[in-house]
C-alpha atoms as a PDB file:
ATOM      1  CA  MET A   1     -12.123   2.845 -20.416  1.00  0.00           C
ATOM      2  CA  ALA A   2      -8.728   2.393 -18.743  1.00  0.00           C
ATOM      3  CA  VAL A   3      -8.288   0.704 -15.389  1.00  0.00           C
ATOM      4  CA  ILE A   4      -7.703   3.318 -12.682  1.00  0.00           C
ATOM      5  CA  PRO A   5      -4.421   2.780 -10.751  1.00  0.00           C
ATOM      6  CA  ILE A   6      -6.092   3.100  -7.368  1.00  0.00           C
ATOM      7  CA  ALA A   7      -3.924   3.688  -4.332  1.00  0.00           C
ATOM      8  CA  VAL A   8      -4.485   0.345  -2.624  1.00  0.00           C
ATOM      9  CA  ARG A   9      -3.246   0.113   0.948  1.00  0.00           C
ATOM     10  CA  THR A  10      -3.251  -3.221   2.715  1.00  0.00           C
ATOM     11  CA  ALA A  11      -1.736  -4.171   6.055  1.00  0.00           C
ATOM     12  CA  PRO A  12       0.561  -7.209   5.846  1.00  0.00           C
ATOM     13  CA  ALA A  13       0.171  -9.733   8.633  1.00  0.00           C
ATOM     14  CA  SER A  14       3.692 -11.100   8.153  1.00  0.00           C
ATOM     15  CA  ALA A  15       6.727  -9.788   9.990  1.00  0.00           C
ATOM     16  CA  GLN A  16       8.328  -8.493   6.787  1.00  0.00           C
ATOM     17  CA  GLU A  17       6.088  -5.736   5.512  1.00  0.00           C
ATOM     18  CA  GLU A  18       5.734  -4.791   1.890  1.00  0.00           C
ATOM     19  CA  SER A  19       6.019  -1.125   1.029  1.00  0.00           C
ATOM     20  CA  TYR A  20       3.144   0.554  -0.792  1.00  0.00           C
ATOM     21  CA  PRO A  21       4.292   4.126  -1.502  1.00  0.00           C
ATOM     22  CA  THR A  22       1.705   6.588  -2.753  1.00  0.00           C
ATOM     23  CA  PRO A  23       1.943   6.671  -6.571  1.00  0.00           C
ATOM     24  CA  PRO A  24       2.309  10.037  -8.324  1.00  0.00           C
ATOM     25  CA  GLU A  25      -1.181   9.670  -9.793  1.00  0.00           C
ATOM     26  CA  ALA A  26      -2.589   9.861  -6.253  1.00  0.00           C
ATOM     27  CA  MET A  27      -0.773  13.109  -5.392  1.00  0.00           C
ATOM     28  CA  VAL A  28      -2.037  16.639  -5.948  1.00  0.00           C
ATOM     29  CA  HIS A  29       0.031  18.350  -8.658  1.00  0.00           C
ATOM     30  CA  GLU A  30       0.233  22.037  -9.446  1.00  0.00           C
ATOM     31  CA  GLY A  31      -1.368  22.963 -12.736  1.00  0.00           C
ATOM     32  CA  VAL A  32      -3.795  20.043 -12.793  1.00  0.00           C
ATOM     33  CA  PRO A  33      -7.443  21.190 -12.879  1.00  0.00           C
ATOM     34  CA  ARG A  34      -9.213  19.878  -9.817  1.00  0.00           C
ATOM     35  CA  GLY A  35     -12.722  18.524  -9.880  1.00  0.00           C
ATOM     36  CA  LYS A  36     -15.201  18.910  -7.053  1.00  0.00           C
ATOM     37  CA  VAL A  37     -17.065  16.458  -4.845  1.00  0.00           C
ATOM     38  CA  ASP A  38     -20.721  17.310  -4.238  1.00  0.00           C
ATOM     39  CA  GLY A  39     -22.628  15.822  -1.319  1.00  0.00           C
ATOM     40  CA  PRO A  40     -23.348  13.963   0.776  1.00  0.00           C
ATOM     41  CA  PHE A  41     -26.873  13.438  -0.511  1.00  0.00           C
ATOM     42  CA  GLU A  42     -29.345  11.238   1.339  1.00  0.00           C
ATOM     43  CA  PHE A  43     -31.176   8.508  -0.549  1.00  0.00           C
ATOM     44  CA  ARG A  44     -33.979   6.146   0.482  1.00  0.00           C
ATOM     45  CA  SER A  45     -34.407   2.961  -1.527  1.00  0.00           C
ATOM     46  CA  GLN A  46     -37.620   1.130  -2.352  1.00  0.00           C
ATOM     47  CA  LEU A  47     -35.742  -2.029  -3.332  1.00  0.00           C
ATOM     48  CA  TYR A  48     -34.150  -2.057   0.125  1.00  0.00           C
ATOM     49  CA  PRO A  49     -37.174  -0.886   2.154  1.00  0.00           C
ATOM     50  CA  GLY A  50     -36.501   1.136   5.268  1.00  0.00           C
ATOM     51  CA  THR A  51     -32.871   1.850   4.431  1.00  0.00           C
ATOM     52  CA  VAL A  52     -31.157   5.211   4.230  1.00  0.00           C
ATOM     53  CA  ARG A  53     -27.782   5.837   2.592  1.00  0.00           C
ATOM     54  CA  GLU A  54     -25.564   8.676   1.465  1.00  0.00           C
ATOM     55  CA  TYR A  55     -23.820   9.250  -1.829  1.00  0.00           C
ATOM     56  CA  TRP A  56     -21.351  11.760  -3.229  1.00  0.00           C
ATOM     57  CA  ILE A  57     -20.714  12.931  -6.798  1.00  0.00           C
ATOM     58  CA  TYR A  58     -17.257  13.635  -8.200  1.00  0.00           C
ATOM     59  CA  VAL A  59     -17.520  16.186 -11.004  1.00  0.00           C
ATOM     60  CA  PRO A  60     -14.322  16.601 -13.052  1.00  0.00           C
ATOM     61  CA  ALA A  61     -13.176  20.064 -14.066  1.00  0.00           C
ATOM     62  CA  GLN A  62     -13.694  19.037 -17.706  1.00  0.00           C
ATOM     63  CA  TYR A  63     -17.330  18.016 -17.186  1.00  0.00           C
ATOM     64  CA  ASP A  64     -19.591  19.080 -20.054  1.00  0.00           C
ATOM     65  CA  PRO A  65     -23.225  17.909 -19.885  1.00  0.00           C
ATOM     66  CA  ALA A  66     -23.390  18.167 -23.671  1.00  0.00           C
ATOM     67  CA  LYS A  67     -20.746  15.429 -23.831  1.00  0.00           C
ATOM     68  CA  PRO A  68     -21.939  12.765 -21.360  1.00  0.00           C
ATOM     69  CA  PRO A  69     -18.881  11.469 -19.469  1.00  0.00           C
ATOM     70  CA  CYS A  70     -17.990   7.936 -18.486  1.00  0.00           C
ATOM     71  CA  LEU A  71     -19.104   6.736 -15.073  1.00  0.00           C
ATOM     72  CA  MET A  72     -17.281   5.234 -12.103  1.00  0.00           C
ATOM     73  CA  ILE A  73     -19.426   3.940  -9.236  1.00  0.00           C
ATOM     74  CA  VAL A  74     -17.513   3.199  -6.026  1.00  0.00           C
ATOM     75  CA  GLN A  75     -19.197   1.143  -3.300  1.00  0.00           C
ATOM     76  CA  ASP A  76     -18.824   2.116   0.385  1.00  0.00           C
ATOM     77  CA  GLY A  77     -19.128   5.782  -0.388  1.00  0.00           C
ATOM     78  CA  MET A  78     -16.651   8.567   0.213  1.00  0.00           C
ATOM     79  CA  GLY A  79     -14.843   6.503   2.832  1.00  0.00           C
ATOM     80  CA  ARG A  80     -13.644   4.089   0.157  1.00  0.00           C
ATOM     81  CA  ALA A  81     -13.266   6.630  -2.640  1.00  0.00           C
ATOM     82  CA  GLY A  82     -11.360   8.986  -0.360  1.00  0.00           C
ATOM     83  CA  GLY A  83      -9.138   6.200   0.933  1.00  0.00           C
ATOM     84  CA  TRP A  84      -8.300   5.280  -2.637  1.00  0.00           C
ATOM     85  CA  LYS A  85      -7.799   8.999  -3.459  1.00  0.00           C
ATOM     86  CA  ILE A  86     -10.118   8.557  -6.433  1.00  0.00           C
ATOM     87  CA  PRO A  87     -10.869  12.284  -6.921  1.00  0.00           C
ATOM     88  CA  THR A  88      -7.165  13.162  -7.083  1.00  0.00           C
ATOM     89  CA  ILE A  89      -6.354  10.177  -9.308  1.00  0.00           C
ATOM     90  CA  LEU A  90      -9.129  11.074 -11.726  1.00  0.00           C
ATOM     91  CA  ASP A  91      -8.022  14.718 -11.745  1.00  0.00           C
ATOM     92  CA  ASN A  92      -4.520  13.639 -12.773  1.00  0.00           C
ATOM     93  CA  LEU A  93      -5.405  10.915 -15.270  1.00  0.00           C
ATOM     94  CA  ILE A  94      -8.137  12.908 -17.001  1.00  0.00           C
ATOM     95  CA  HIS A  95      -5.761  15.874 -17.313  1.00  0.00           C
ATOM     96  CA  ALA A  96      -3.042  13.611 -18.761  1.00  0.00           C
ATOM     97  CA  GLY A  97      -5.484  12.072 -21.226  1.00  0.00           C
ATOM     98  CA  GLU A  98      -4.880   8.584 -19.803  1.00  0.00           C
ATOM     99  CA  VAL A  99      -8.561   8.029 -19.005  1.00  0.00           C
ATOM    100  CA  PRO A 100     -11.663   9.632 -20.482  1.00  0.00           C
ATOM    101  CA  VAL A 101     -13.604  12.308 -18.641  1.00  0.00           C
ATOM    102  CA  GLN A 102     -15.772  10.560 -16.084  1.00  0.00           C
ATOM    103  CA  LEU A 103     -18.263  11.289 -13.355  1.00  0.00           C
ATOM    104  CA  GLY A 104     -17.827   9.531 -10.029  1.00  0.00           C
ATOM    105  CA  ILE A 105     -20.674   8.235  -7.863  1.00  0.00           C
ATOM    106  CA  PHE A 106     -19.498   7.187  -4.404  1.00  0.00           C
ATOM    107  CA  VAL A 107     -22.441   5.408  -2.808  1.00  0.00           C
ATOM    108  CA  GLY A 108     -22.643   4.009   0.695  1.00  0.00           C
ATOM    109  CA  HIS A 109     -24.481   0.900   1.794  1.00  0.00           C
ATOM    110  CA  GLY A 110     -27.899   1.253   3.352  1.00  0.00           C
ATOM    111  CA  SER A 111     -28.734   1.187   7.028  1.00  0.00           C
ATOM    112  CA  VAL A 112     -32.011   1.019   8.914  1.00  0.00           C
ATOM    113  CA  PRO A 113     -32.130   3.945  11.349  1.00  0.00           C
ATOM    114  CA  ALA A 114     -32.279   3.240  15.060  1.00  0.00           C
ATOM    115  CA  SER A 115     -35.816   3.009  16.407  1.00  0.00           C
ATOM    116  CA  ASN A 116     -34.965   5.077  19.488  1.00  0.00           C
ATOM    117  CA  GLU A 117     -32.055   6.897  21.114  1.00  0.00           C
ATOM    118  CA  ASN A 118     -30.990   3.795  23.023  1.00  0.00           C
ATOM    119  CA  ALA A 119     -30.820   1.572  19.931  1.00  0.00           C
ATOM    120  CA  GLN A 120     -28.232   1.245  17.177  1.00  0.00           C
ATOM    121  CA  PRO A 121     -28.856   1.468  13.414  1.00  0.00           C
ATOM    122  CA  ARG A 122     -28.925  -1.845  11.548  1.00  0.00           C
ATOM    123  CA  PHE A 123     -26.315  -1.920   8.831  1.00  0.00           C
ATOM    124  CA  ASN A 124     -27.440  -3.542   5.581  1.00  0.00           C
ATOM    125  CA  ARG A 125     -23.981  -3.844   4.025  1.00  0.00           C
ATOM    126  CA  SER A 126     -23.528  -7.616   3.926  1.00  0.00           C
ATOM    127  CA  PHE A 127     -27.099  -8.205   2.757  1.00  0.00           C
ATOM    128  CA  GLU A 128     -26.711  -5.738  -0.104  1.00  0.00           C
ATOM    129  CA  TYR A 129     -23.121  -6.484  -1.057  1.00  0.00           C
ATOM    130  CA  ASP A 130     -22.357 -10.166  -0.382  1.00  0.00           C
ATOM    131  CA  GLY A 131     -25.452 -11.851  -1.797  1.00  0.00           C
ATOM    132  CA  LEU A 132     -25.941 -13.064  -5.353  1.00  0.00           C
ATOM    133  CA  GLY A 133     -28.791 -11.982  -7.605  1.00  0.00           C
ATOM    134  CA  ASP A 134     -29.734  -8.780  -9.416  1.00  0.00           C
ATOM    135  CA  ARG A 135     -31.237  -6.646  -6.638  1.00  0.00           C
ATOM    136  CA  TYR A 136     -28.221  -4.374  -6.180  1.00  0.00           C
ATOM    137  CA  ALA A 137     -27.805  -3.934  -9.936  1.00  0.00           C
ATOM    138  CA  ARG A 138     -31.484  -3.012 -10.107  1.00  0.00           C
ATOM    139  CA  PHE A 139     -31.001  -0.555  -7.249  1.00  0.00           C
ATOM    140  CA  LEU A 140     -28.334   1.217  -9.280  1.00  0.00           C
ATOM    141  CA  ILE A 141     -30.184   1.095 -12.602  1.00  0.00           C
ATOM    142  CA  GLU A 142     -33.755   1.723 -11.465  1.00  0.00           C
ATOM    143  CA  GLU A 143     -33.257   3.980  -8.454  1.00  0.00           C
ATOM    144  CA  LEU A 144     -29.867   5.640  -7.970  1.00  0.00           C
ATOM    145  CA  LEU A 145     -28.847   6.478 -11.531  1.00  0.00           C
ATOM    146  CA  PRO A 146     -32.196   8.107 -12.410  1.00  0.00           C
ATOM    147  CA  GLU A 147     -31.865  10.230  -9.263  1.00  0.00           C
ATOM    148  CA  VAL A 148     -28.308  11.273 -10.139  1.00  0.00           C
ATOM    149  CA  ARG A 149     -29.338  12.043 -13.712  1.00  0.00           C
ATOM    150  CA  LYS A 150     -31.697  14.736 -12.476  1.00  0.00           C
ATOM    151  CA  SER A 151     -28.579  16.854 -11.887  1.00  0.00           C
ATOM    152  CA  TYR A 152     -25.720  15.279 -13.858  1.00  0.00           C
ATOM    153  CA  GLU A 153     -25.340  13.707 -17.292  1.00  0.00           C
ATOM    154  CA  PHE A 154     -23.380  10.506 -17.958  1.00  0.00           C
ATOM    155  CA  SER A 155     -22.953   7.908 -20.686  1.00  0.00           C
ATOM    156  CA  ASP A 156     -25.455   5.111 -21.263  1.00  0.00           C
ATOM    157  CA  ASN A 157     -22.808   2.943 -22.941  1.00  0.00           C
ATOM    158  CA  PRO A 158     -22.026  -0.007 -20.613  1.00  0.00           C
ATOM    159  CA  ASN A 159     -18.408   0.056 -21.844  1.00  0.00           C
ATOM    160  CA  ASP A 160     -18.141   3.537 -20.304  1.00  0.00           C
ATOM    161  CA  ARG A 161     -19.300   2.400 -16.857  1.00  0.00           C
ATOM    162  CA  CYS A 162     -17.060   0.987 -14.144  1.00  0.00           C
ATOM    163  CA  LEU A 163     -18.077  -0.512 -10.798  1.00  0.00           C
ATOM    164  CA  ALA A 164     -15.417  -0.548  -8.072  1.00  0.00           C
ATOM    165  CA  GLY A 165     -15.199  -1.811  -4.526  1.00  0.00           C
ATOM    166  CA  SER A 166     -13.130  -3.445  -1.837  1.00  0.00           C
ATOM    167  CA  SER A 167     -13.908  -6.568   0.207  1.00  0.00           C
ATOM    168  CA  SER A 168     -17.707  -6.982   0.191  1.00  0.00           C
ATOM    169  CA  GLY A 169     -17.885  -3.911  -2.037  1.00  0.00           C
ATOM    170  CA  ALA A 170     -15.724  -5.760  -4.563  1.00  0.00           C
ATOM    171  CA  ILE A 171     -17.968  -8.794  -4.925  1.00  0.00           C
ATOM    172  CA  CYS A 172     -20.894  -6.366  -5.036  1.00  0.00           C
ATOM    173  CA  ALA A 173     -19.287  -4.570  -7.985  1.00  0.00           C
ATOM    174  CA  PHE A 174     -18.533  -7.825  -9.807  1.00  0.00           C
ATOM    175  CA  ASN A 175     -21.973  -9.270  -9.133  1.00  0.00           C
ATOM    176  CA  ALA A 176     -23.798  -6.184 -10.421  1.00  0.00           C
ATOM    177  CA  ALA A 177     -21.784  -6.227 -13.655  1.00  0.00           C
ATOM    178  CA  TRP A 178     -22.231 -10.001 -13.930  1.00  0.00           C
ATOM    179  CA  GLU A 179     -26.005  -9.664 -13.586  1.00  0.00           C
ATOM    180  CA  ARG A 180     -26.359  -6.611 -15.840  1.00  0.00           C
ATOM    181  CA  PRO A 181     -23.575  -6.402 -18.425  1.00  0.00           C
ATOM    182  CA  ASP A 182     -26.035  -4.397 -20.500  1.00  0.00           C
ATOM    183  CA  ALA A 183     -25.449  -1.577 -17.997  1.00  0.00           C
ATOM    184  CA  PHE A 184     -21.931  -2.126 -16.557  1.00  0.00           C
ATOM    185  CA  ARG A 185     -18.880  -3.771 -18.149  1.00  0.00           C
ATOM    186  CA  ARG A 186     -15.841  -2.620 -16.157  1.00  0.00           C
ATOM    187  CA  VAL A 187     -14.981  -3.919 -12.668  1.00  0.00           C
ATOM    188  CA  ILE A 188     -12.285  -3.003 -10.130  1.00  0.00           C
ATOM    189  CA  SER A 189     -12.115  -5.562  -7.309  1.00  0.00           C
ATOM    190  CA  THR A 190      -9.700  -5.371  -4.369  1.00  0.00           C
ATOM    191  CA  VAL A 191      -9.568  -8.075  -1.650  1.00  0.00           C
ATOM    192  CA  GLY A 192     -12.910  -9.308  -2.970  1.00  0.00           C
ATOM    193  CA  THR A 193     -15.157 -11.407  -0.726  1.00  0.00           C
ATOM    194  CA  TYR A 194     -15.637 -14.352  -3.094  1.00  0.00           C
ATOM    195  CA  VAL A 195     -16.155 -16.675  -0.118  1.00  0.00           C
ATOM    196  CA  GLY A 196     -19.041 -18.436   1.586  1.00  0.00           C
ATOM    197  CA  LEU A 197     -20.724 -15.553   3.406  1.00  0.00           C
ATOM    198  CA  ARG A 198     -23.814 -15.239   1.195  1.00  0.00           C
ATOM    199  CA  GLY A 199     -22.963 -17.422  -1.777  1.00  0.00           C
ATOM    200  CA  GLY A 200     -19.936 -15.662  -3.241  1.00  0.00           C
ATOM    201  CA  ASP A 201     -17.968 -18.909  -3.201  1.00  0.00           C
ATOM    202  CA  GLN A 202     -20.159 -20.057  -6.112  1.00  0.00           C
ATOM    203  CA  PHE A 203     -18.709 -17.495  -8.511  1.00  0.00           C
ATOM    204  CA  PRO A 204     -15.577 -19.382  -9.667  1.00  0.00           C
ATOM    205  CA  VAL A 205     -17.765 -22.291 -10.817  1.00  0.00           C
ATOM    206  CA  LEU A 206     -20.446 -20.007 -12.284  1.00  0.00           C
ATOM    207  CA  VAL A 207     -17.806 -18.130 -14.269  1.00  0.00           C
ATOM    208  CA  ARG A 208     -16.498 -21.397 -15.703  1.00  0.00           C
ATOM    209  CA  LYS A 209     -19.930 -22.791 -16.586  1.00  0.00           C
ATOM    210  CA  THR A 210     -21.563 -19.643 -17.981  1.00  0.00           C
ATOM    211  CA  GLU A 211     -21.145 -18.200 -21.462  1.00  0.00           C
ATOM    212  CA  PRO A 212     -18.555 -15.396 -21.116  1.00  0.00           C
ATOM    213  CA  LYS A 213     -19.948 -11.921 -20.611  1.00  0.00           C
ATOM    214  CA  PRO A 214     -18.402  -8.748 -22.115  1.00  0.00           C
ATOM    215  CA  LEU A 215     -16.656  -7.661 -18.903  1.00  0.00           C
ATOM    216  CA  ARG A 216     -13.156  -6.330 -18.208  1.00  0.00           C
ATOM    217  CA  ILE A 217     -11.974  -7.014 -14.657  1.00  0.00           C
ATOM    218  CA  PHE A 218      -9.105  -5.961 -12.386  1.00  0.00           C
ATOM    219  CA  LEU A 219      -8.416  -8.140  -9.327  1.00  0.00           C
ATOM    220  CA  GLN A 220      -6.119  -7.330  -6.392  1.00  0.00           C
ATOM    221  CA  ASP A 221      -5.384  -9.394  -3.279  1.00  0.00           C
ATOM    222  CA  GLY A 222      -2.618 -10.405  -0.878  1.00  0.00           C
ATOM    223  CA  SER A 223      -1.446 -13.685   0.590  1.00  0.00           C
ATOM    224  CA  ASN A 224      -2.178 -12.501   4.147  1.00  0.00           C
ATOM    225  CA  ASP A 225      -5.830 -11.745   3.449  1.00  0.00           C
ATOM    226  CA  LEU A 226      -8.548 -13.127   5.728  1.00  0.00           C
ATOM    227  CA  ASP A 227      -8.948 -16.858   6.358  1.00  0.00           C
ATOM    228  CA  ILE A 228     -12.079 -17.399   8.478  1.00  0.00           C
ATOM    229  CA  TYR A 229     -15.220 -19.543   8.675  1.00  0.00           C
ATOM    230  CA  GLY A 230     -16.435 -18.362   5.261  1.00  0.00           C
ATOM    231  CA  GLY A 231     -13.213 -19.341   3.524  1.00  0.00           C
ATOM    232  CA  SER A 232      -9.849 -17.957   2.461  1.00  0.00           C
ATOM    233  CA  TRP A 233     -10.005 -14.654   0.592  1.00  0.00           C
ATOM    234  CA  TRP A 234      -6.564 -15.311  -0.905  1.00  0.00           C
ATOM    235  CA  HIS A 235      -7.519 -18.706  -2.292  1.00  0.00           C
ATOM    236  CA  ALA A 236     -10.918 -17.420  -3.424  1.00  0.00           C
ATOM    237  CA  ASN A 237      -9.404 -14.548  -5.407  1.00  0.00           C
ATOM    238  CA  GLN A 238      -6.929 -16.910  -7.037  1.00  0.00           C
ATOM    239  CA  ALA A 239      -9.834 -19.210  -7.928  1.00  0.00           C
ATOM    240  CA  MET A 240     -11.666 -16.247  -9.457  1.00  0.00           C
ATOM    241  CA  LEU A 241      -8.643 -15.326 -11.553  1.00  0.00           C
ATOM    242  CA  SER A 242      -8.247 -18.920 -12.734  1.00  0.00           C
ATOM    243  CA  ALA A 243     -11.937 -19.135 -13.649  1.00  0.00           C
ATOM    244  CA  LEU A 244     -11.911 -15.816 -15.499  1.00  0.00           C
ATOM    245  CA  GLN A 245      -8.805 -16.798 -17.445  1.00  0.00           C
ATOM    246  CA  PHE A 246     -10.269 -20.227 -18.232  1.00  0.00           C
ATOM    247  CA  SER A 247     -13.382 -18.583 -19.669  1.00  0.00           C
ATOM    248  CA  GLY A 248     -11.422 -16.090 -21.739  1.00  0.00           C
ATOM    249  CA  TYR A 249     -12.199 -12.877 -19.858  1.00  0.00           C
ATOM    250  CA  ASP A 250     -10.146  -9.715 -20.223  1.00  0.00           C
ATOM    251  CA  VAL A 251      -8.724  -9.747 -16.690  1.00  0.00           C
ATOM    252  CA  LYS A 252      -5.673  -8.244 -15.011  1.00  0.00           C
ATOM    253  CA  HIS A 253      -4.480  -8.919 -11.487  1.00  0.00           C
ATOM    254  CA  VAL A 254      -1.994  -7.711  -8.892  1.00  0.00           C
ATOM    255  CA  TRP A 255      -1.000 -10.048  -6.073  1.00  0.00           C
ATOM    256  CA  GLY A 256       1.033  -9.092  -3.016  1.00  0.00           C
ATOM    257  CA  GLU A 257       1.550 -10.126   0.590  1.00  0.00           C
ATOM    258  CA  GLY A 258      -0.916  -7.707   2.132  1.00  0.00           C
ATOM    259  CA  GLY A 259      -3.830  -8.388   4.431  1.00  0.00           C
ATOM    260  CA  HIS A 260      -7.429  -7.274   4.303  1.00  0.00           C
END
């Protein structure tokens, strides 16, 4: 499964801004069959009790349930997938034969609804995304994917399944594939939060000390990314790249000067 050239937009903090023009793959072109985005659908998790979330399904024009497509799961829902122009990019790349036909699942983080009209909902994003362990991978495998499969077919081959995300969604994607490479083996990570919020700073050492797993990873970050109490995102992403290369992973990276 090819790496998707997502339309990453970051805001440089330096005076001299880099230019990130929209690539042709992220533009609508005449004659290219357009897929559809179904949803939003509401989902309530048992692994994250009390939470409610929404998800959307991208269905390519070439979708054939008799030929289960590859799968791309984007964290942070349609907000992230739309910002990256994933539906348009997949339309173009599938049509050009540069990537296989694939279904997209754009799933948001959970939130606990407000208890009354004067209260605010409690967002569960950092708890779900930034922590280590297999709970989020289990959420996908045991809860979300069976629900999606009631209406859509997709491949069971882990080499056909990509997890993608930005910031906390990026470490979430990597962590889920790290925990369950039997289910997911492709990762797209932009400005990943591999810092000390909920243990993500452990990953560079874990990657070095653990037998390599059959993952293919794309990393993106910029030198003006966040530098706060939890650590430096820029240094953390460089440490991740170094660790992945040291351990022999199939990894590609793009560095720039952008911010978070």
